PDB file of all heavy atoms in Angstrom:
ATOM      1  N   GLY A   1       0.775  -1.222   0.000  1.00  0.00           N
ATOM      2  CA  GLY A   1       0.000   0.000   0.000  1.00  0.00           C
ATOM      3  C   GLY A   1       0.810   1.276   0.000  1.00  0.00           C
ATOM      4  O   GLY A   1       0.262   2.353   0.281  1.00  0.00           O
ATOM      5  N   ASN A   2       2.087   1.194  -0.328  1.00  0.00           N
ATOM      6  CA  ASN A   2       2.956   2.371  -0.346  1.00  0.00           C
ATOM      7  C   ASN A   2       3.134   2.896  -1.764  1.00  0.00           C
ATOM      8  O   ASN A   2       2.828   2.216  -2.746  1.00  0.00           O
ATOM      9  CB  ASN A   2       4.343   2.015   0.205  1.00  0.00           C
ATOM     10  CG  ASN A   2       4.286   1.468   1.607  1.00  0.00           C
ATOM     11  OD1 ASN A   2       4.023   2.176   2.555  1.00  0.00           O
ATOM     12  ND2 ASN A   2       4.530   0.151   1.756  1.00  0.00           N
ATOM     13  N   ALA A   3       3.673   4.111  -1.867  1.00  0.00           N
ATOM     14  CA  ALA A   3       4.262   4.591  -3.111  1.00  0.00           C
ATOM     15  C   ALA A   3       5.776   4.477  -2.974  1.00  0.00           C
ATOM     16  O   ALA A   3       6.311   4.500  -1.860  1.00  0.00           O
ATOM     17  CB  ALA A   3       3.859   6.031  -3.377  1.00  0.00           C
ATOM     18  N   VAL A   4       6.469   4.372  -4.108  1.00  0.00           N
ATOM     19  CA  VAL A   4       7.916   4.164  -4.048  1.00  0.00           C
ATOM     20  C   VAL A   4       8.618   5.030  -5.086  1.00  0.00           C
ATOM     21  O   VAL A   4       8.148   5.171  -6.219  1.00  0.00           O
ATOM     22  CB  VAL A   4       8.278   2.671  -4.237  1.00  0.00           C
ATOM     23  CG1 VAL A   4       7.836   2.156  -5.603  1.00  0.00           C
ATOM     24  CG2 VAL A   4       9.768   2.433  -4.030  1.00  0.00           C
ATOM     25  N   ILE A   5       9.712   5.641  -4.651  1.00  0.00           N
ATOM     26  CA  ILE A   5      10.627   6.349  -5.546  1.00  0.00           C
ATOM     27  C   ILE A   5      11.882   5.499  -5.648  1.00  0.00           C
ATOM     28  O   ILE A   5      12.482   5.127  -4.641  1.00  0.00           O
ATOM     29  CB  ILE A   5      10.963   7.749  -4.999  1.00  0.00           C
ATOM     30  CG1 ILE A   5       9.698   8.618  -4.958  1.00  0.00           C
ATOM     31  CG2 ILE A   5      12.039   8.412  -5.851  1.00  0.00           C
ATOM     32  CD1 ILE A   5       9.908   9.949  -4.254  1.00  0.00           C
ATOM     33  N   LEU A   6      12.294   5.199  -6.870  1.00  0.00           N
ATOM     34  CA  LEU A   6      13.398   4.284  -7.124  1.00  0.00           C
ATOM     35  C   LEU A   6      14.574   5.049  -7.705  1.00  0.00           C
ATOM     36  O   LEU A   6      14.446   5.728  -8.731  1.00  0.00           O
ATOM     37  CB  LEU A   6      12.954   3.198  -8.101  1.00  0.00           C
ATOM     38  CG  LEU A   6      11.748   2.355  -7.648  1.00  0.00           C
ATOM     39  CD1 LEU A   6      11.022   1.768  -8.850  1.00  0.00           C
ATOM     40  CD2 LEU A   6      12.189   1.267  -6.695  1.00  0.00           C
ATOM     41  N   LYS A   7      15.721   4.963  -7.032  1.00  0.00           N
ATOM     42  CA  LYS A   7      16.942   5.612  -7.540  1.00  0.00           C
ATOM     43  C   LYS A   7      18.017   4.553  -7.688  1.00  0.00           C
ATOM     44  O   LYS A   7      18.673   4.142  -6.736  1.00  0.00           O
ATOM     45  CB  LYS A   7      17.411   6.707  -6.578  1.00  0.00           C
ATOM     46  CG  LYS A   7      18.775   7.336  -6.947  1.00  0.00           C
ATOM     47  CD  LYS A   7      18.721   8.062  -8.278  1.00  0.00           C
ATOM     48  CE  LYS A   7      20.055   8.760  -8.590  1.00  0.00           C
ATOM     49  NZ  LYS A   7      21.079   7.786  -9.076  1.00  0.00           N
ATOM     50  N   GLY A   8      18.154   4.025  -8.904  1.00  0.00           N
ATOM     51  CA  GLY A   8      19.160   3.013  -9.166  1.00  0.00           C
ATOM     52  C   GLY A   8      20.500   3.635  -9.486  1.00  0.00           C
ATOM     53  O   GLY A   8      20.646   4.859  -9.608  1.00  0.00           O
ATOM     54  N   GLY A   9      21.501   2.780  -9.660  1.00  0.00           N
ATOM     55  CA  GLY A   9      22.842   3.244  -9.979  1.00  0.00           C
ATOM     56  C   GLY A   9      22.961   3.666 -11.430  1.00  0.00           C
ATOM     57  O   GLY A   9      22.213   3.214 -12.305  1.00  0.00           O
ATOM     58  N   SER A  10      23.931   4.531 -11.706  1.00  0.00           N
ATOM     59  CA  SER A  10      24.126   5.031 -13.065  1.00  0.00           C
ATOM     60  C   SER A  10      24.463   3.900 -14.035  1.00  0.00           C
ATOM     61  O   SER A  10      24.108   3.961 -15.216  1.00  0.00           O
ATOM     62  CB  SER A  10      25.252   6.073 -13.075  1.00  0.00           C
ATOM     63  OG  SER A  10      26.465   5.514 -12.587  1.00  0.00           O
ATOM     64  N   GLU A  11      25.114   2.852 -13.530  1.00  0.00           N
ATOM     65  CA  GLU A  11      25.517   1.747 -14.406  1.00  0.00           C
ATOM     66  C   GLU A  11      24.325   0.950 -14.937  1.00  0.00           C
ATOM     67  O   GLU A  11      24.449   0.218 -15.917  1.00  0.00           O
ATOM     68  CB  GLU A  11      26.483   0.812 -13.667  1.00  0.00           C
ATOM     69  CG  GLU A  11      25.859  -0.007 -12.547  1.00  0.00           C
ATOM     70  CD  GLU A  11      25.713   0.760 -11.236  1.00  0.00           C
ATOM     71  OE1 GLU A  11      25.943   1.978 -11.224  1.00  0.00           O
ATOM     72  OE2 GLU A  11      25.361   0.127 -10.224  1.00  0.00           O
ATOM     73  N   ALA A  12      23.148   1.078 -14.317  1.00  0.00           N
ATOM     74  CA  ALA A  12      21.965   0.303 -14.711  1.00  0.00           C
ATOM     75  C   ALA A  12      20.839   1.187 -15.220  1.00  0.00           C
ATOM     76  O   ALA A  12      19.685   0.749 -15.262  1.00  0.00           O
ATOM     77  CB  ALA A  12      21.478  -0.535 -13.529  1.00  0.00           C
ATOM     78  N   LEU A  13      21.131   2.414 -15.622  1.00  0.00           N
ATOM     79  CA  LEU A  13      20.071   3.370 -15.929  1.00  0.00           C
ATOM     80  C   LEU A  13      19.168   2.895 -17.064  1.00  0.00           C
ATOM     81  O   LEU A  13      17.931   2.974 -16.963  1.00  0.00           O
ATOM     82  CB  LEU A  13      20.678   4.738 -16.270  1.00  0.00           C
ATOM     83  CG  LEU A  13      19.670   5.872 -16.489  1.00  0.00           C
ATOM     84  CD1 LEU A  13      18.781   6.060 -15.271  1.00  0.00           C
ATOM     85  CD2 LEU A  13      20.405   7.176 -16.824  1.00  0.00           C
ATOM     86  N   ALA A  14      19.734   2.396 -18.149  1.00  0.00           N
ATOM     87  CA  ALA A  14      18.905   1.955 -19.273  1.00  0.00           C
ATOM     88  C   ALA A  14      18.014   0.777 -18.870  1.00  0.00           C
ATOM     89  O   ALA A  14      16.824   0.735 -19.209  1.00  0.00           O
ATOM     90  CB  ALA A  14      19.787   1.578 -20.458  1.00  0.00           C
ATOM     91  N   SER A  15      18.578  -0.171 -18.138  1.00  0.00           N
ATOM     92  CA  SER A  15      17.790  -1.322 -17.667  1.00  0.00           C
ATOM     93  C   SER A  15      16.654  -0.866 -16.768  1.00  0.00           C
ATOM     94  O   SER A  15      15.500  -1.319 -16.901  1.00  0.00           O
ATOM     95  CB  SER A  15      18.689  -2.292 -16.901  1.00  0.00           C
ATOM     96  OG  SER A  15      19.809  -2.686 -17.659  1.00  0.00           O
ATOM     97  N   ASN A  16      16.965   0.029 -15.842  1.00  0.00           N
ATOM     98  CA  ASN A  16      15.957   0.483 -14.889  1.00  0.00           C
ATOM     99  C   ASN A  16      14.852   1.287 -15.562  1.00  0.00           C
ATOM    100  O   ASN A  16      13.674   1.177 -15.190  1.00  0.00           O
ATOM    101  CB  ASN A  16      16.618   1.312 -13.784  1.00  0.00           C
ATOM    102  CG  ASN A  16      17.434   0.455 -12.844  1.00  0.00           C
ATOM    103  OD1 ASN A  16      17.176  -0.733 -12.683  1.00  0.00           O
ATOM    104  ND2 ASN A  16      18.443   1.045 -12.221  1.00  0.00           N
ATOM    105  N   LEU A  17      15.212   2.103 -16.543  1.00  0.00           N
ATOM    106  CA  LEU A  17      14.193   2.852 -17.277  1.00  0.00           C
ATOM    107  C   LEU A  17      13.244   1.913 -18.007  1.00  0.00           C
ATOM    108  O   LEU A  17      12.024   2.136 -18.036  1.00  0.00           O
ATOM    109  CB  LEU A  17      14.854   3.820 -18.256  1.00  0.00           C
ATOM    110  CG  LEU A  17      15.492   5.074 -17.630  1.00  0.00           C
ATOM    111  CD1 LEU A  17      16.343   5.803 -18.666  1.00  0.00           C
ATOM    112  CD2 LEU A  17      14.407   6.006 -17.076  1.00  0.00           C
ATOM    113  N   ALA A  18      13.789   0.859 -18.595  1.00  0.00           N
ATOM    114  CA  ALA A  18      12.939  -0.114 -19.290  1.00  0.00           C
ATOM    115  C   ALA A  18      11.995  -0.806 -18.318  1.00  0.00           C
ATOM    116  O   ALA A  18      10.792  -0.973 -18.602  1.00  0.00           O
ATOM    117  CB  ALA A  18      13.814  -1.142 -20.012  1.00  0.00           C
ATOM    118  N   LEU A  19      12.490  -1.207 -17.152  1.00  0.00           N
ATOM    119  CA  LEU A  19      11.645  -1.873 -16.163  1.00  0.00           C
ATOM    120  C   LEU A  19      10.630  -0.909 -15.565  1.00  0.00           C
ATOM    121  O   LEU A  19       9.465  -1.291 -15.317  1.00  0.00           O
ATOM    122  CB  LEU A  19      12.524  -2.470 -15.063  1.00  0.00           C
ATOM    123  CG  LEU A  19      13.395  -3.646 -15.499  1.00  0.00           C
ATOM    124  CD1 LEU A  19      14.438  -3.969 -14.434  1.00  0.00           C
ATOM    125  CD2 LEU A  19      12.545  -4.879 -15.800  1.00  0.00           C
ATOM    126  N   ALA A  20      11.034   0.352 -15.345  1.00  0.00           N
ATOM    127  CA  ALA A  20      10.099   1.337 -14.799  1.00  0.00           C
ATOM    128  C   ALA A  20       8.952   1.601 -15.761  1.00  0.00           C
ATOM    129  O   ALA A  20       7.813   1.860 -15.332  1.00  0.00           O
ATOM    130  CB  ALA A  20      10.835   2.641 -14.488  1.00  0.00           C
ATOM    131  N   GLY A  21       9.229   1.541 -17.048  1.00  0.00           N
ATOM    132  CA  GLY A  21       8.155   1.695 -18.033  1.00  0.00           C
ATOM    133  C   GLY A  21       7.108   0.596 -17.899  1.00  0.00           C
ATOM    134  O   GLY A  21       5.894   0.848 -18.037  1.00  0.00           O
ATOM    135  N   LEU A  22       7.550  -0.624 -17.628  1.00  0.00           N
ATOM    136  CA  LEU A  22       6.607  -1.725 -17.425  1.00  0.00           C
ATOM    137  C   LEU A  22       5.798  -1.527 -16.149  1.00  0.00           C
ATOM    138  O   LEU A  22       4.596  -1.820 -16.117  1.00  0.00           O
ATOM    139  CB  LEU A  22       7.364  -3.057 -17.362  1.00  0.00           C
ATOM    140  CG  LEU A  22       8.214  -3.427 -18.579  1.00  0.00           C
ATOM    141  CD1 LEU A  22       8.770  -4.840 -18.420  1.00  0.00           C
ATOM    142  CD2 LEU A  22       7.422  -3.301 -19.868  1.00  0.00           C
ATOM    143  N   LEU A  23       6.444  -1.031 -15.100  1.00  0.00           N
ATOM    144  CA  LEU A  23       5.722  -0.753 -13.851  1.00  0.00           C
ATOM    145  C   LEU A  23       4.614   0.270 -14.089  1.00  0.00           C
ATOM    146  O   LEU A  23       3.469   0.079 -13.641  1.00  0.00           O
ATOM    147  CB  LEU A  23       6.692  -0.209 -12.793  1.00  0.00           C
ATOM    148  CG  LEU A  23       7.589  -1.215 -12.081  1.00  0.00           C
ATOM    149  CD1 LEU A  23       8.692  -0.486 -11.326  1.00  0.00           C
ATOM    150  CD2 LEU A  23       6.761  -2.071 -11.120  1.00  0.00           C
ATOM    151  N   ARG A  24       4.939   1.329 -14.771  1.00  0.00           N
ATOM    152  CA  ARG A  24       3.962   2.386 -15.017  1.00  0.00           C
ATOM    153  C   ARG A  24       2.791   1.869 -15.853  1.00  0.00           C
ATOM    154  O   ARG A  24       1.620   2.153 -15.556  1.00  0.00           O
ATOM    155  CB  ARG A  24       4.643   3.564 -15.713  1.00  0.00           C
ATOM    156  CG  ARG A  24       3.784   4.820 -15.758  1.00  0.00           C
ATOM    157  CD  ARG A  24       4.565   6.017 -16.292  1.00  0.00           C
ATOM    158  NE  ARG A  24       3.782   7.240 -16.121  1.00  0.00           N
ATOM    159  CZ  ARG A  24       3.842   8.014 -15.061  1.00  0.00           C
ATOM    160  NH1 ARG A  24       4.664   7.691 -14.057  1.00  0.00           N
ATOM    161  NH2 ARG A  24       3.095   9.103 -14.970  1.00  0.00           N
ATOM    162  N   GLU A  25       3.094   1.101 -16.873  1.00  0.00           N
ATOM    163  CA  GLU A  25       2.031   0.560 -17.724  1.00  0.00           C
ATOM    164  C   GLU A  25       1.123  -0.381 -16.934  1.00  0.00           C
ATOM    165  O   GLU A  25      -0.108  -0.335 -17.068  1.00  0.00           O
ATOM    166  CB  GLU A  25       2.633  -0.171 -18.920  1.00  0.00           C
ATOM    167  CG  GLU A  25       1.589  -0.746 -19.871  1.00  0.00           C
ATOM    168  CD  GLU A  25       2.193  -1.379 -21.109  1.00  0.00           C
ATOM    169  OE1 GLU A  25       3.366  -1.069 -21.438  1.00  0.00           O
ATOM    170  OE2 GLU A  25       1.493  -2.194 -21.755  1.00  0.00           O
ATOM    171  N   ALA A  26       1.708  -1.224 -16.106  1.00  0.00           N
ATOM    172  CA  ALA A  26       0.898  -2.162 -15.317  1.00  0.00           C
ATOM    173  C   ALA A  26       0.020  -1.427 -14.307  1.00  0.00           C
ATOM    174  O   ALA A  26      -1.132  -1.822 -14.063  1.00  0.00           O
ATOM    175  CB  ALA A  26       1.807  -3.160 -14.604  1.00  0.00           C
ATOM    176  N   LEU A  27       0.527  -0.360 -13.712  1.00  0.00           N
ATOM    177  CA  LEU A  27      -0.286   0.437 -12.780  1.00  0.00           C
ATOM    178  C   LEU A  27      -1.457   1.092 -13.503  1.00  0.00           C
ATOM    179  O   LEU A  27      -2.607   1.051 -13.035  1.00  0.00           O
ATOM    180  CB  LEU A  27       0.583   1.501 -12.108  1.00  0.00           C
ATOM    181  CG  LEU A  27       1.523   1.008 -11.009  1.00  0.00           C
ATOM    182  CD1 LEU A  27       2.593   2.057 -10.702  1.00  0.00           C
ATOM    183  CD2 LEU A  27       0.748   0.661  -9.742  1.00  0.00           C
ATOM    184  N   GLU A  28      -1.178   1.705 -14.640  1.00  0.00           N
ATOM    185  CA  GLU A  28      -2.227   2.413 -15.375  1.00  0.00           C
ATOM    186  C   GLU A  28      -3.328   1.473 -15.825  1.00  0.00           C
ATOM    187  O   GLU A  28      -4.516   1.806 -15.739  1.00  0.00           O
ATOM    188  CB  GLU A  28      -1.619   3.133 -16.583  1.00  0.00           C
ATOM    189  CG  GLU A  28      -0.772   4.347 -16.202  1.00  0.00           C
ATOM    190  CD  GLU A  28      -0.063   4.958 -17.390  1.00  0.00           C
ATOM    191  OE1 GLU A  28       0.164   4.224 -18.384  1.00  0.00           O
ATOM    192  OE2 GLU A  28       0.276   6.150 -17.324  1.00  0.00           O
ATOM    193  N   THR A  29      -2.968   0.289 -16.294  1.00  0.00           N
ATOM    194  CA  THR A  29      -3.982  -0.648 -16.780  1.00  0.00           C
ATOM    195  C   THR A  29      -4.718  -1.347 -15.648  1.00  0.00           C
ATOM    196  O   THR A  29      -5.679  -2.072 -15.893  1.00  0.00           O
ATOM    197  CB  THR A  29      -3.341  -1.698 -17.704  1.00  0.00           C
ATOM    198  OG1 THR A  29      -2.300  -2.383 -16.990  1.00  0.00           O
ATOM    199  CG2 THR A  29      -2.754  -1.048 -18.952  1.00  0.00           C
ATOM    200  N   SER A  30      -4.280  -1.128 -14.404  1.00  0.00           N
ATOM    201  CA  SER A  30      -4.959  -1.703 -13.235  1.00  0.00           C
ATOM    202  C   SER A  30      -5.695  -0.631 -12.428  1.00  0.00           C
ATOM    203  O   SER A  30      -6.112  -0.878 -11.303  1.00  0.00           O
ATOM    204  CB  SER A  30      -3.934  -2.419 -12.342  1.00  0.00           C
ATOM    205  OG  SER A  30      -3.212  -3.376 -13.066  1.00  0.00           O
ATOM    206  N   ASP A  31      -5.833   0.571 -13.024  1.00  0.00           N
ATOM    207  CA  ASP A  31      -6.540   1.684 -12.380  1.00  0.00           C
ATOM    208  C   ASP A  31      -5.911   2.086 -11.053  1.00  0.00           C
ATOM    209  O   ASP A  31      -6.608   2.495 -10.120  1.00  0.00           O
ATOM    210  CB  ASP A  31      -8.035   1.352 -12.179  1.00  0.00           C
ATOM    211  CG  ASP A  31      -8.761   1.183 -13.503  1.00  0.00           C
ATOM    212  OD1 ASP A  31      -8.439   1.931 -14.456  1.00  0.00           O
ATOM    213  OD2 ASP A  31      -9.641   0.309 -13.598  1.00  0.00           O
ATOM    214  N   LEU A  32      -4.602   1.987 -10.993  1.00  0.00           N
ATOM    215  CA  LEU A  32      -3.846   2.491  -9.849  1.00  0.00           C
ATOM    216  C   LEU A  32      -2.992   3.663 -10.324  1.00  0.00           C
ATOM    217  O   LEU A  32      -2.657   3.745 -11.511  1.00  0.00           O
ATOM    218  CB  LEU A  32      -2.950   1.389  -9.264  1.00  0.00           C
ATOM    219  CG  LEU A  32      -3.684   0.211  -8.611  1.00  0.00           C
ATOM    220  CD1 LEU A  32      -2.695  -0.886  -8.232  1.00  0.00           C
ATOM    221  CD2 LEU A  32      -4.473   0.661  -7.392  1.00  0.00           C
ATOM    222  N   PRO A  33      -2.621   4.588  -9.430  1.00  0.00           N
ATOM    223  CA  PRO A  33      -1.883   5.768  -9.876  1.00  0.00           C
ATOM    224  C   PRO A  33      -0.499   5.424 -10.414  1.00  0.00           C
ATOM    225  O   PRO A  33       0.296   4.768  -9.732  1.00  0.00           O
ATOM    226  CB  PRO A  33      -1.791   6.622  -8.610  1.00  0.00           C
ATOM    227  CG  PRO A  33      -1.994   5.682  -7.477  1.00  0.00           C
ATOM    228  CD  PRO A  33      -2.912   4.613  -7.979  1.00  0.00           C
ATOM    229  N   ALA A  34      -0.211   5.867 -11.625  1.00  0.00           N
ATOM    230  CA  ALA A  34       1.081   5.567 -12.234  1.00  0.00           C
ATOM    231  C   ALA A  34       2.236   6.158 -11.432  1.00  0.00           C
ATOM    232  O   ALA A  34       3.341   5.607 -11.419  1.00  0.00           O
ATOM    233  CB  ALA A  34       1.119   6.100 -13.668  1.00  0.00           C
ATOM    234  N   ASP A  35       1.973   7.271 -10.731  1.00  0.00           N
ATOM    235  CA  ASP A  35       3.032   7.904  -9.945  1.00  0.00           C
ATOM    236  C   ASP A  35       3.337   7.168  -8.644  1.00  0.00           C
ATOM    237  O   ASP A  35       4.199   7.609  -7.873  1.00  0.00           O
ATOM    238  CB  ASP A  35       2.648   9.351  -9.630  1.00  0.00           C
ATOM    239  CG  ASP A  35       2.700  10.240 -10.860  1.00  0.00           C
ATOM    240  OD1 ASP A  35       3.502   9.946 -11.769  1.00  0.00           O
ATOM    241  OD2 ASP A  35       1.944  11.230 -10.914  1.00  0.00           O
ATOM    242  N   ALA A  36       2.672   6.053  -8.402  1.00  0.00           N
ATOM    243  CA  ALA A  36       2.973   5.256  -7.207  1.00  0.00           C
ATOM    244  C   ALA A  36       4.329   4.584  -7.314  1.00  0.00           C
ATOM    245  O   ALA A  36       4.905   4.182  -6.290  1.00  0.00           O
ATOM    246  CB  ALA A  36       1.891   4.215  -6.965  1.00  0.00           C
ATOM    247  N   ALA A  37       4.855   4.441  -8.537  1.00  0.00           N
ATOM    248  CA  ALA A  37       6.201   3.879  -8.730  1.00  0.00           C
ATOM    249  C   ALA A  37       6.930   4.751  -9.735  1.00  0.00           C
ATOM    250  O   ALA A  37       6.602   4.737 -10.921  1.00  0.00           O
ATOM    251  CB  ALA A  37       6.138   2.436  -9.207  1.00  0.00           C
ATOM    252  N   GLN A  38       7.888   5.535  -9.259  1.00  0.00           N
ATOM    253  CA  GLN A  38       8.628   6.450 -10.122  1.00  0.00           C
ATOM    254  C   GLN A  38      10.123   6.157 -10.038  1.00  0.00           C
ATOM    255  O   GLN A  38      10.651   5.925  -8.945  1.00  0.00           O
ATOM    256  CB  GLN A  38       8.388   7.895  -9.685  1.00  0.00           C
ATOM    257  CG  GLN A  38       6.933   8.344  -9.736  1.00  0.00           C
ATOM    258  CD  GLN A  38       6.792   9.754  -9.199  1.00  0.00           C
ATOM    259  OE1 GLN A  38       7.159  10.732  -9.860  1.00  0.00           O
ATOM    260  NE2 GLN A  38       6.268   9.877  -7.991  1.00  0.00           N
TER     261      GLN A  38
END
């Protein structure tokens, strides 16, 4: 039931951006706030 801000390392930025995109899409399609995982 929390919101989360994710700050990964610079060495994994491209990987993390790709995974964060999936998180946002899954939240939006489940009628939950997309900003709950940034």
